[in-house]
Amino acid sequence: MPELPKKKVGLIACSGEEIPEGTITRLAVRQVLESLRPEQTVTICLPLFLAGGEGDRAFARFHPTITVDGCAKRCAARST
């Protein structure tokens, strides 16, 4: 029986560049992408997602997606 391709998990980091927590979330997501789970994860650009990027939106619609927010505003979670 042929092996099905494994679904990747999408990661959406906070884009709050004006707060240190936003930088920390982006660094944490990058660590997961490059070191911890490089074969199982992809990143989704929050500004592109918000602007209507169809590829990013389609991925989030059909694959598990995790948002990593830097503050209580939860922009990434609310946007997706």
C-alpha atoms as a PDB file:
ATOM      1  CA  MET A   1       0.000   0.000   0.000  1.00  0.00           C
ATOM      2  CA  PRO A   2       1.517   3.393  -0.966  1.00  0.00           C
ATOM      3  CA  GLU A   3       2.384   5.728   1.857  1.00  0.00           C
ATOM      4  CA  LEU A   4       0.311   8.912   2.018  1.00  0.00           C
ATOM      5  CA  PRO A   5       2.210  12.186   2.214  1.00  0.00           C
ATOM      6  CA  LYS A   6       2.336  13.533   5.735  1.00  0.00           C
ATOM      7  CA  LYS A   7       0.440  16.713   6.403  1.00  0.00           C
ATOM      8  CA  LYS A   8       2.589  19.583   7.492  1.00  0.00           C
ATOM      9  CA  VAL A   9       1.625  21.937  10.277  1.00  0.00           C
ATOM     10  CA  GLY A  10       1.440  25.640   9.488  1.00  0.00           C
ATOM     11  CA  LEU A  11       2.878  28.148  11.940  1.00  0.00           C
ATOM     12  CA  ILE A  12       1.742  31.768  12.014  1.00  0.00           C
ATOM     13  CA  ALA A  13       3.811  34.098  14.175  1.00  0.00           C
ATOM     14  CA  CYS A  14       2.803  37.454  15.583  1.00  0.00           C
ATOM     15  CA  SER A  15       3.833  40.318  13.322  1.00  0.00           C
ATOM     16  CA  GLY A  16       4.016  42.906  16.118  1.00  0.00           C
ATOM     17  CA  GLU A  17       7.405  44.431  15.389  1.00  0.00           C
ATOM     18  CA  GLU A  18       6.877  47.258  17.860  1.00  0.00           C
ATOM     19  CA  ILE A  19       6.857  44.946  20.882  1.00  0.00           C
ATOM     20  CA  PRO A  20       9.632  42.612  22.074  1.00  0.00           C
ATOM     21  CA  GLU A  21       7.169  39.753  22.418  1.00  0.00           C
ATOM     22  CA  GLY A  22       6.476  39.873  18.669  1.00  0.00           C
ATOM     23  CA  THR A  23      10.165  39.400  17.970  1.00  0.00           C
ATOM     24  CA  ILE A  24      10.307  36.518  20.440  1.00  0.00           C
ATOM     25  CA  THR A  25       7.374  34.740  18.772  1.00  0.00           C
ATOM     26  CA  ARG A  26       9.008  35.033  15.359  1.00  0.00           C
ATOM     27  CA  LEU A  27      12.294  33.695  16.739  1.00  0.00           C
ATOM     28  CA  ALA A  28      10.472  30.788  18.391  1.00  0.00           C
ATOM     29  CA  VAL A  29       8.666  29.882  15.167  1.00  0.00           C
ATOM     30  CA  ARG A  30      11.933  30.070  13.259  1.00  0.00           C
ATOM     31  CA  GLN A  31      13.546  27.712  15.798  1.00  0.00           C
ATOM     32  CA  VAL A  32      10.757  25.174  15.220  1.00  0.00           C
ATOM     33  CA  LEU A  33      11.014  25.539  11.434  1.00  0.00           C
ATOM     34  CA  GLU A  34      14.783  25.211  11.249  1.00  0.00           C
ATOM     35  CA  SER A  35      15.814  23.016  14.176  1.00  0.00           C
ATOM     36  CA  LEU A  36      13.001  21.215  15.949  1.00  0.00           C
ATOM     37  CA  ARG A  37      10.545  20.165  13.202  1.00  0.00           C
ATOM     38  CA  PRO A  38      11.935  21.190   9.796  1.00  0.00           C
ATOM     39  CA  GLU A  39      10.241  18.340   7.911  1.00  0.00           C
ATOM     40  CA  GLN A  40       6.851  18.702   9.591  1.00  0.00           C
ATOM     41  CA  THR A  41       6.256  22.479   9.608  1.00  0.00           C
ATOM     42  CA  VAL A  42       5.919  25.452   7.282  1.00  0.00           C
ATOM     43  CA  THR A  43       5.461  29.123   8.056  1.00  0.00           C
ATOM     44  CA  ILE A  44       2.550  31.234   6.948  1.00  0.00           C
ATOM     45  CA  CYS A  45       3.108  34.981   6.591  1.00  0.00           C
ATOM     46  CA  LEU A  46       0.463  36.788   8.661  1.00  0.00           C
ATOM     47  CA  PRO A  47       0.504  40.056   6.633  1.00  0.00           C
ATOM     48  CA  LEU A  48       0.171  38.103   3.372  1.00  0.00           C
ATOM     49  CA  PHE A  49      -2.580  35.964   4.904  1.00  0.00           C
ATOM     50  CA  LEU A  50      -4.441  39.131   5.942  1.00  0.00           C
ATOM     51  CA  ALA A  51      -3.998  40.669   2.495  1.00  0.00           C
ATOM     52  CA  GLY A  52      -5.794  37.703   0.948  1.00  0.00           C
ATOM     53  CA  GLY A  53      -2.907  35.438  -0.082  1.00  0.00           C
ATOM     54  CA  GLU A  54      -4.867  32.518  -1.505  1.00  0.00           C
ATOM     55  CA  GLY A  55      -2.067  29.970  -1.133  1.00  0.00           C
ATOM     56  CA  ASP A  56      -1.633  30.729   2.563  1.00  0.00           C
ATOM     57  CA  ARG A  57      -5.379  30.775   3.177  1.00  0.00           C
ATOM     58  CA  ALA A  58      -5.890  27.473   1.370  1.00  0.00           C
ATOM     59  CA  PHE A  59      -3.101  25.861   3.371  1.00  0.00           C
ATOM     60  CA  ALA A  60      -4.642  27.022   6.670  1.00  0.00           C
ATOM     61  CA  ARG A  61      -8.047  25.793   5.553  1.00  0.00           C
ATOM     62  CA  PHE A  62      -6.887  22.223   4.920  1.00  0.00           C
ATOM     63  CA  HIS A  63      -3.922  21.725   7.267  1.00  0.00           C
ATOM     64  CA  PRO A  64      -3.473  22.061  11.013  1.00  0.00           C
ATOM     65  CA  THR A  65      -2.293  25.575  11.788  1.00  0.00           C
ATOM     66  CA  ILE A  66      -0.858  26.993  15.005  1.00  0.00           C
ATOM     67  CA  THR A  67      -0.764  30.696  15.787  1.00  0.00           C
ATOM     68  CA  VAL A  68       1.876  32.091  18.130  1.00  0.00           C
ATOM     69  CA  ASP A  69       0.868  35.471  19.528  1.00  0.00           C
ATOM     70  CA  GLY A  70       3.061  37.886  21.442  1.00  0.00           C
ATOM     71  CA  CYS A  71       0.439  39.712  23.489  1.00  0.00           C
ATOM     72  CA  ALA A  72      -3.134  39.607  24.720  1.00  0.00           C
ATOM     73  CA  LYS A  73      -4.465  41.222  21.524  1.00  0.00           C
ATOM     74  CA  ARG A  74      -4.078  37.798  19.845  1.00  0.00           C
ATOM     75  CA  CYS A  75      -3.913  39.294  16.334  1.00  0.00           C
ATOM     76  CA  ALA A  76      -2.660  36.112  14.676  1.00  0.00           C
ATOM     77  CA  ALA A  77      -5.313  33.891  16.293  1.00  0.00           C
ATOM     78  CA  ARG A  78      -8.153  36.296  15.555  1.00  0.00           C
ATOM     79  CA  SER A  79      -7.037  36.825  11.977  1.00  0.00           C
ATOM     80  CA  THR A  80      -6.991  33.161  11.140  1.00  0.00           C
END
